[in-house]
N, C-alpha and C. Protein backbone atom coordinates (compact mmCIF):
# COMPACT_ATOMS: atom_id res chain seq x y z
N MET A 1 -2.17 -25.50 -39.94
CA MET A 1 -1.43 -26.49 -39.17
C MET A 1 -2.70 -27.43 -39.00
N SER A 2 -2.94 -26.50 -37.88
CA SER A 2 -4.01 -27.42 -36.90
C SER A 2 -5.01 -27.96 -38.04
N PHE A 3 -5.53 -27.62 -39.14
CA PHE A 3 -6.61 -28.37 -39.74
C PHE A 3 -6.26 -29.91 -39.98
N PHE A 4 -4.73 -29.97 -40.38
CA PHE A 4 -4.29 -31.24 -40.71
C PHE A 4 -3.83 -32.15 -39.70
N SER A 5 -3.94 -31.83 -38.50
CA SER A 5 -3.41 -32.47 -37.43
C SER A 5 -4.70 -33.27 -36.95
N SER A 6 -4.00 -34.40 -36.20
CA SER A 6 -5.10 -35.45 -35.52
C SER A 6 -6.18 -34.63 -34.59
N GLU A 7 -6.14 -33.35 -33.97
CA GLU A 7 -6.88 -32.66 -32.86
C GLU A 7 -8.30 -32.56 -33.51
N GLU A 8 -9.34 -32.45 -32.89
CA GLU A 8 -10.55 -31.89 -33.19
C GLU A 8 -10.47 -30.12 -33.66
N ILE A 9 -11.21 -29.97 -34.66
CA ILE A 9 -11.22 -28.53 -34.74
C ILE A 9 -12.31 -27.94 -34.03
N GLN A 10 -11.71 -26.59 -33.43
CA GLN A 10 -12.64 -25.72 -33.00
C GLN A 10 -13.37 -24.78 -33.53
N PHE A 11 -14.19 -24.51 -33.70
CA PHE A 11 -14.83 -23.01 -34.79
C PHE A 11 -16.15 -22.28 -33.84
N ALA A 12 -15.98 -21.17 -33.65
CA ALA A 12 -17.05 -20.37 -33.07
C ALA A 12 -18.10 -20.77 -33.84
N ASP A 13 -19.21 -20.97 -33.07
CA ASP A 13 -20.48 -20.98 -33.34
C ASP A 13 -21.59 -19.84 -32.73
N PRO A 14 -21.26 -18.74 -33.73
CA PRO A 14 -22.15 -17.46 -33.29
C PRO A 14 -23.66 -17.48 -33.38
N LEU A 15 -23.84 -17.98 -34.52
CA LEU A 15 -25.48 -18.23 -35.15
C LEU A 15 -26.04 -19.16 -34.46
N GLY A 16 -25.47 -20.37 -33.90
CA GLY A 16 -26.03 -21.71 -33.26
C GLY A 16 -26.50 -22.49 -34.61
N VAL A 17 -25.92 -22.80 -35.46
CA VAL A 17 -26.25 -23.62 -36.38
C VAL A 17 -25.29 -24.87 -36.47
N GLY A 18 -24.19 -24.98 -35.68
CA GLY A 18 -23.27 -25.91 -35.36
C GLY A 18 -22.33 -25.71 -36.03
N GLN A 19 -21.15 -26.25 -35.42
CA GLN A 19 -19.55 -25.70 -36.07
C GLN A 19 -19.28 -26.21 -37.03
N THR A 20 -19.67 -27.08 -37.75
CA THR A 20 -19.68 -28.06 -38.78
C THR A 20 -20.11 -26.65 -40.11
N MET A 21 -21.23 -26.51 -40.02
CA MET A 21 -22.04 -25.87 -40.99
C MET A 21 -21.26 -24.21 -40.79
N THR A 22 -21.09 -23.77 -39.76
CA THR A 22 -20.24 -22.70 -39.60
C THR A 22 -19.24 -22.42 -40.54
N LEU A 23 -18.48 -23.31 -40.11
CA LEU A 23 -17.12 -23.49 -41.02
C LEU A 23 -17.19 -23.84 -42.32
N ALA A 24 -18.01 -24.68 -42.80
CA ALA A 24 -18.11 -24.70 -44.24
C ALA A 24 -18.74 -23.63 -44.74
N VAL A 25 -19.80 -22.60 -44.04
CA VAL A 25 -20.13 -21.18 -44.73
C VAL A 25 -19.19 -20.46 -44.86
N ALA A 26 -18.30 -20.37 -43.98
CA ALA A 26 -16.62 -19.17 -44.00
C ALA A 26 -15.94 -19.94 -44.98
N VAL A 27 -15.51 -21.03 -44.59
CA VAL A 27 -14.73 -21.63 -46.09
C VAL A 27 -15.33 -21.08 -47.52
N LEU A 28 -16.68 -21.36 -47.63
CA LEU A 28 -17.29 -21.23 -49.22
C LEU A 28 -17.33 -19.67 -48.77
N ALA A 29 -17.31 -18.83 -48.19
CA ALA A 29 -17.49 -17.38 -48.10
C ALA A 29 -16.14 -16.86 -48.68
N GLU A 30 -15.01 -17.34 -47.83
CA GLU A 30 -13.86 -16.86 -47.62
C GLU A 30 -12.93 -17.31 -48.62
N PHE A 31 -13.16 -18.60 -49.12
CA PHE A 31 -12.41 -19.10 -50.24
C PHE A 31 -12.51 -19.40 -51.60
N VAL A 32 -14.14 -19.69 -51.69
CA VAL A 32 -14.77 -19.56 -52.95
C VAL A 32 -15.32 -18.47 -53.62
N CYS A 33 -15.87 -17.61 -52.78
CA CYS A 33 -16.40 -16.03 -52.95
C CYS A 33 -15.37 -14.91 -53.57
N SER A 34 -13.88 -15.51 -52.73
CA SER A 34 -13.24 -14.44 -52.90
C SER A 34 -12.38 -15.06 -54.17
N ILE A 35 -12.01 -16.06 -54.79
CA ILE A 35 -11.88 -16.22 -55.48
C ILE A 35 -12.35 -15.87 -56.91
N MET A 36 -13.83 -15.93 -56.67
CA MET A 36 -14.91 -15.29 -57.99
C MET A 36 -14.58 -13.91 -57.87
N LEU A 37 -14.27 -13.29 -56.57
CA LEU A 37 -14.10 -11.43 -56.76
C LEU A 37 -12.77 -11.89 -57.77
N ILE A 38 -11.97 -12.43 -57.44
CA ILE A 38 -10.74 -12.23 -57.95
C ILE A 38 -10.64 -12.00 -59.58
N LEU A 39 -11.40 -13.31 -59.78
CA LEU A 39 -12.01 -13.32 -61.45
C LEU A 39 -12.92 -12.31 -61.85
N GLY A 40 -13.42 -11.57 -61.02
CA GLY A 40 -14.67 -10.74 -61.84
C GLY A 40 -15.83 -11.42 -61.98
N LEU A 41 -16.10 -13.08 -61.60
CA LEU A 41 -17.33 -13.40 -61.80
C LEU A 41 -18.35 -13.61 -61.05
N GLY A 42 -19.73 -13.42 -61.44
CA GLY A 42 -20.72 -13.00 -60.39
C GLY A 42 -20.05 -12.53 -58.98
N THR A 43 -20.01 -11.00 -59.11
CA THR A 43 -19.40 -10.39 -58.09
C THR A 43 -20.57 -10.35 -57.39
N ARG A 44 -21.55 -9.68 -57.75
CA ARG A 44 -22.42 -9.01 -56.68
C ARG A 44 -23.09 -10.11 -55.66
N VAL A 45 -23.35 -11.18 -56.73
CA VAL A 45 -23.59 -12.42 -55.59
C VAL A 45 -22.47 -13.00 -54.92
N ALA A 46 -21.33 -13.02 -55.09
CA ALA A 46 -20.06 -13.44 -54.37
C ALA A 46 -20.01 -12.59 -53.27
N THR A 47 -20.24 -11.26 -53.33
CA THR A 47 -20.12 -10.33 -52.10
C THR A 47 -21.11 -10.48 -51.11
N ILE A 48 -22.46 -11.12 -51.42
CA ILE A 48 -23.64 -11.64 -50.53
C ILE A 48 -23.02 -12.02 -49.00
N PRO A 49 -22.37 -13.24 -49.43
CA PRO A 49 -22.00 -14.08 -48.53
C PRO A 49 -20.69 -13.61 -47.28
N LEU A 50 -19.37 -12.75 -48.26
CA LEU A 50 -18.86 -12.40 -47.61
C LEU A 50 -18.89 -11.13 -46.85
N ILE A 51 -20.06 -10.45 -47.21
CA ILE A 51 -20.60 -9.10 -46.22
C ILE A 51 -20.92 -9.91 -44.98
N VAL A 52 -22.01 -11.33 -45.18
CA VAL A 52 -22.83 -11.28 -43.57
C VAL A 52 -21.68 -12.28 -43.34
N THR A 53 -20.17 -12.91 -43.58
CA THR A 53 -19.12 -13.42 -42.86
C THR A 53 -18.46 -11.94 -42.16
N MET A 54 -18.39 -11.21 -42.81
CA MET A 54 -17.92 -10.21 -42.09
C MET A 54 -18.49 -9.14 -41.28
N ALA A 55 -19.72 -8.97 -41.05
CA ALA A 55 -20.84 -8.52 -40.38
C ALA A 55 -20.96 -9.49 -39.15
N VAL A 56 -20.66 -10.48 -39.21
CA VAL A 56 -20.97 -11.61 -38.17
C VAL A 56 -19.68 -11.20 -37.09
N ALA A 57 -18.49 -11.48 -37.88
CA ALA A 57 -16.92 -11.31 -37.19
C ALA A 57 -16.74 -9.98 -36.61
N ALA A 58 -17.41 -8.95 -37.05
CA ALA A 58 -17.43 -7.66 -36.95
C ALA A 58 -18.46 -7.36 -35.20
N ILE A 59 -19.76 -7.63 -35.98
CA ILE A 59 -20.29 -7.29 -34.69
C ILE A 59 -21.08 -8.47 -33.34
N ILE A 60 -20.52 -9.85 -33.84
CA ILE A 60 -20.74 -10.53 -32.71
C ILE A 60 -19.50 -11.14 -32.24
N VAL A 61 -18.61 -11.78 -33.27
CA VAL A 61 -17.60 -12.56 -32.54
C VAL A 61 -16.68 -11.37 -31.87
N HIS A 62 -16.10 -10.55 -32.64
CA HIS A 62 -15.53 -9.79 -32.07
C HIS A 62 -16.10 -8.03 -30.91
N ALA A 63 -17.17 -8.20 -31.08
CA ALA A 63 -18.04 -7.13 -30.19
C ALA A 63 -17.38 -7.25 -28.98
N PRO A 64 -16.94 -7.96 -27.94
CA PRO A 64 -16.28 -7.67 -26.41
C PRO A 64 -14.82 -7.20 -26.59
N ASP A 65 -14.24 -7.27 -27.88
CA ASP A 65 -12.82 -7.01 -28.21
C ASP A 65 -12.78 -5.42 -28.11
N GLY A 66 -13.67 -4.58 -28.44
CA GLY A 66 -13.27 -3.12 -28.64
C GLY A 66 -12.84 -3.23 -30.33
N LEU A 67 -13.01 -1.54 -30.73
CA LEU A 67 -12.48 -1.39 -31.99
C LEU A 67 -11.52 -1.83 -32.41
N VAL A 68 -10.39 -2.12 -31.89
CA VAL A 68 -9.03 -2.68 -32.46
C VAL A 68 -9.29 -3.86 -33.16
N LYS A 69 -9.88 -4.87 -32.66
CA LYS A 69 -9.98 -5.96 -33.36
C LYS A 69 -11.17 -5.86 -34.01
N GLN A 70 -12.29 -4.82 -34.04
CA GLN A 70 -13.47 -4.61 -34.94
C GLN A 70 -12.76 -3.84 -36.16
N GLU A 71 -11.74 -3.28 -36.21
CA GLU A 71 -11.72 -2.35 -37.39
C GLU A 71 -11.14 -3.01 -38.52
N LEU A 72 -10.61 -4.06 -38.82
CA LEU A 72 -10.25 -4.89 -40.08
C LEU A 72 -11.80 -5.75 -40.76
N PRO A 73 -12.46 -6.37 -39.58
CA PRO A 73 -13.50 -6.87 -40.46
C PRO A 73 -14.67 -5.50 -40.58
N PHE A 74 -14.35 -4.62 -40.09
CA PHE A 74 -15.44 -3.26 -40.81
C PHE A 74 -14.80 -2.80 -42.03
N LEU A 75 -13.62 -3.04 -42.15
CA LEU A 75 -12.90 -2.19 -43.23
C LEU A 75 -13.19 -3.31 -44.81
N TYR A 76 -13.45 -4.60 -44.23
CA TYR A 76 -13.22 -5.52 -45.30
C TYR A 76 -15.35 -5.31 -45.28
N LEU A 77 -15.81 -5.22 -44.35
CA LEU A 77 -17.25 -5.18 -44.84
C LEU A 77 -17.48 -3.96 -45.60
N LEU A 78 -16.94 -2.63 -45.51
CA LEU A 78 -16.96 -1.63 -46.37
C LEU A 78 -16.59 -2.15 -47.81
N SER A 79 -15.91 -2.68 -47.85
CA SER A 79 -15.23 -2.56 -49.36
C SER A 79 -16.03 -3.71 -49.98
N TYR A 80 -16.86 -4.61 -49.15
CA TYR A 80 -17.51 -5.74 -50.18
C TYR A 80 -18.96 -5.08 -50.27
N VAL A 81 -19.31 -4.19 -49.38
CA VAL A 81 -20.24 -3.32 -49.42
C VAL A 81 -20.73 -2.41 -51.05
N LEU A 82 -19.25 -1.78 -51.27
CA LEU A 82 -18.99 -1.12 -52.19
C LEU A 82 -18.82 -2.04 -53.61
N LEU A 83 -18.36 -2.92 -53.33
CA LEU A 83 -18.10 -4.02 -54.34
C LEU A 83 -19.77 -4.60 -55.02
N PHE A 84 -20.51 -5.03 -53.79
CA PHE A 84 -22.18 -5.22 -54.21
C PHE A 84 -22.50 -3.90 -54.93
N TYR A 85 -22.44 -2.92 -54.56
CA TYR A 85 -22.88 -1.47 -54.90
C TYR A 85 -22.64 -1.51 -56.84
N THR A 86 -21.33 -1.31 -56.80
CA THR A 86 -20.78 -1.15 -58.07
C THR A 86 -20.40 -1.97 -59.14
N GLY A 87 -20.36 -3.38 -58.62
CA GLY A 87 -20.19 -3.98 -59.14
C GLY A 87 -18.77 -4.65 -59.58
N ALA A 88 -18.66 -5.29 -60.93
CA ALA A 88 -17.09 -6.04 -61.22
C ALA A 88 -16.56 -5.01 -61.81
N GLY A 89 -16.93 -4.25 -62.72
CA GLY A 89 -16.06 -3.48 -63.67
C GLY A 89 -15.59 -3.81 -64.71
N LYS A 90 -14.94 -3.00 -65.68
CA LYS A 90 -14.76 -3.25 -67.06
C LYS A 90 -13.73 -4.39 -67.27
N PHE A 91 -12.60 -4.36 -66.38
CA PHE A 91 -11.85 -5.77 -66.28
C PHE A 91 -12.39 -6.95 -65.89
N SER A 92 -13.31 -7.89 -65.91
CA SER A 92 -13.62 -8.65 -65.61
C SER A 92 -14.46 -9.86 -65.99
N LEU A 93 -14.73 -11.17 -65.90
CA LEU A 93 -15.29 -11.66 -66.34
C LEU A 93 -16.91 -11.91 -67.01
N ASP A 94 -17.33 -11.03 -65.69
CA ASP A 94 -18.57 -10.54 -65.82
C ASP A 94 -18.91 -9.54 -67.25
N HIS A 95 -18.09 -8.48 -67.32
CA HIS A 95 -18.24 -7.64 -68.44
C HIS A 95 -18.04 -8.52 -69.27
N TYR A 96 -17.06 -9.11 -69.61
CA TYR A 96 -16.55 -10.06 -70.70
C TYR A 96 -17.84 -10.58 -71.53
N LEU A 97 -18.20 -11.46 -70.61
CA LEU A 97 -19.18 -12.27 -70.89
C LEU A 97 -20.60 -11.55 -71.36
N MET A 98 -20.71 -10.45 -70.35
CA MET A 98 -21.84 -9.75 -71.00
C MET A 98 -21.83 -8.89 -72.13
N TYR A 99 -20.62 -8.53 -72.54
CA TYR A 99 -20.09 -8.16 -73.62
C TYR A 99 -20.42 -8.89 -74.91
N LYS A 100 -19.61 -10.38 -74.81
CA LYS A 100 -20.06 -11.01 -75.63
C LYS A 100 -21.32 -11.70 -76.34
N ALA A 101 -22.15 -12.03 -74.95
CA ALA A 101 -23.16 -11.85 -75.35
C ALA A 101 -24.15 -10.90 -76.07
N GLU A 102 -23.96 -9.90 -75.72
CA GLU A 102 -24.62 -8.48 -76.43
C GLU A 102 -24.24 -8.61 -77.85
N LYS A 103 -22.64 -9.21 -78.22
CA LYS A 103 -22.24 -8.70 -79.24
C LYS A 103 -22.94 -10.06 -80.30
N LYS A 104 -23.23 -11.29 -79.92
CA LYS A 104 -24.01 -12.02 -80.42
C LYS A 104 -25.03 -11.81 -80.78
N GLU A 105 -25.81 -11.26 -79.65
CA GLU A 105 -27.39 -10.61 -79.74
C GLU A 105 -27.54 -9.93 -80.73
N ALA A 106 -26.56 -9.10 -81.12
CA ALA A 106 -26.75 -7.86 -81.82
C ALA A 106 -26.35 -8.23 -83.67
N LYS A 107 -25.38 -9.84 -83.62
CA LYS A 107 -25.59 -10.01 -84.98
C LYS A 107 -26.89 -10.41 -85.41
N THR A 108 -27.66 -11.68 -84.26
CA THR A 108 -29.02 -11.87 -84.94
C THR A 108 -30.24 -11.02 -84.73
């Protein structure tokens, strides 16, 4: 709700690149890359910004808060790392597009 209000948006800048740039990268990672994960499109590439975002959230932003607030970002980080190593799987657009390309290549 505060996004659409007239107040200025305050966003943490843990890496020192500016609030606007940090917000843009976080939105890209958490919105665009998450949609790519849901569709199974570019899964390994899409997990890289998500891994970085969750690592920054767990290690830098929530470092003084203790394990209670670090637990959820670490769980997300672990799941993104596992997705990076395993890939999208059988029921994804990546698999479908690769299968289609291999089938087309086999015909020629």
